[in-house]
Amino acid sequence: MPLSFATPAHAGQRIGFVLLPRFSSLALAGVLDALSAVNDLLDTPVYEVRLITLDGRAVPSHGGARWAADHGLADAPVLDGVF
């Protein structure tokens, strides 16, 4: 029997992740990959992700790679969830 997936009633969730210096890029990548997989599986953008830093500038992860931010805390849009 084929699987079927229903789109959640409140599609279009905007999720923000606040990145602090030396955050775990592995943990963030896992979450981003899972949310992307849901969007792909449902063939619709259920989750829209925003990366946020304190000042809106790139921040280094624990391994030293710098991650660009979409917003700083002061200019972040209204979000449905923040982690």
Protein backbone atom coordinates (compact mmCIF):
# COMPACT_ATOMS: atom_id res chain seq x y z
CA MET A 1 0.00 0.00 0.00
CA PRO A 2 1.51 3.38 -0.97
CA LEU A 3 2.10 5.96 1.73
CA SER A 4 0.22 9.22 1.58
CA PHE A 5 1.04 12.37 3.46
CA ALA A 6 -1.33 15.19 4.25
CA THR A 7 -0.10 18.75 4.35
CA PRO A 8 -0.53 20.19 7.85
CA ALA A 9 -3.45 22.59 8.19
CA HIS A 10 -1.13 25.40 9.25
CA ALA A 11 1.37 25.12 6.39
CA GLY A 12 4.01 27.76 6.04
CA GLN A 13 5.62 27.64 9.49
CA ARG A 14 8.46 30.17 9.84
CA ILE A 15 11.12 28.73 12.11
CA GLY A 16 14.10 30.70 13.41
CA PHE A 17 17.36 29.36 14.77
CA VAL A 18 19.44 31.73 16.90
CA LEU A 19 23.10 30.98 16.28
CA LEU A 20 25.58 31.85 19.01
CA PRO A 21 29.37 31.66 18.59
CA ARG A 22 30.70 28.08 18.71
CA PHE A 23 27.28 26.48 18.11
CA SER A 24 27.19 22.89 16.84
CA SER A 25 26.99 22.98 13.06
CA LEU A 26 26.32 19.22 13.07
CA ALA A 27 23.20 19.67 15.20
CA LEU A 28 21.96 22.57 13.07
CA ALA A 29 22.63 20.69 9.82
CA GLY A 30 20.63 17.70 11.08
CA VAL A 31 17.60 19.84 11.89
CA LEU A 32 17.82 21.78 8.62
CA ASP A 33 18.08 18.51 6.69
CA ALA A 34 15.02 17.07 8.45
CA LEU A 35 12.91 20.17 7.74
CA SER A 36 14.06 20.19 4.13
CA ALA A 37 13.13 16.51 3.81
CA VAL A 38 9.59 17.27 5.04
CA ASN A 39 9.26 20.05 2.46
CA ASP A 40 10.49 17.70 -0.27
CA LEU A 41 8.28 14.82 0.85
CA LEU A 42 5.16 16.98 0.91
CA ASP A 43 6.24 18.81 -2.25
CA THR A 44 5.36 22.14 -0.62
CA PRO A 45 7.28 24.59 1.56
CA VAL A 46 5.80 23.67 4.94
CA TYR A 47 8.83 25.00 6.83
CA GLU A 48 10.65 28.24 6.08
CA VAL A 49 13.89 28.53 8.06
CA ARG A 50 15.61 31.75 9.14
CA LEU A 51 19.09 31.84 10.67
CA ILE A 52 19.44 34.59 13.26
CA THR A 53 22.47 35.95 15.07
CA LEU A 54 22.71 38.60 17.75
CA ASP A 55 23.88 41.30 15.32
CA GLY A 56 22.96 39.88 11.90
CA ARG A 57 26.56 39.10 10.98
CA ALA A 58 28.08 35.68 10.27
CA VAL A 59 28.96 33.63 13.35
CA PRO A 60 31.57 30.85 13.73
CA SER A 61 30.48 27.34 14.62
CA HIS A 62 32.40 25.13 17.04
CA GLY A 63 34.51 23.84 14.14
CA GLY A 64 35.34 27.35 12.95
CA ALA A 65 33.15 27.52 9.83
CA ARG A 66 31.31 30.83 9.62
CA TRP A 67 27.56 30.70 8.98
CA ALA A 68 25.79 33.66 7.40
CA ALA A 69 22.71 35.01 9.11
CA ASP A 70 19.42 35.96 7.50
CA HIS A 71 18.68 38.45 10.30
CA GLY A 72 19.89 39.90 13.55
CA LEU A 73 17.69 39.75 16.63
CA ALA A 74 16.59 43.36 16.13
CA ASP A 75 15.36 42.87 12.57
CA ALA A 76 14.07 39.28 12.70
CA PRO A 77 10.57 38.80 11.27
CA VAL A 78 7.65 37.36 13.20
CA LEU A 79 8.31 33.64 13.58
CA ASP A 80 6.15 30.66 14.53
CA GLY A 81 8.99 29.08 16.50
CA VAL A 82 12.46 30.03 17.69
CA PHE A 83 15.18 27.64 18.80
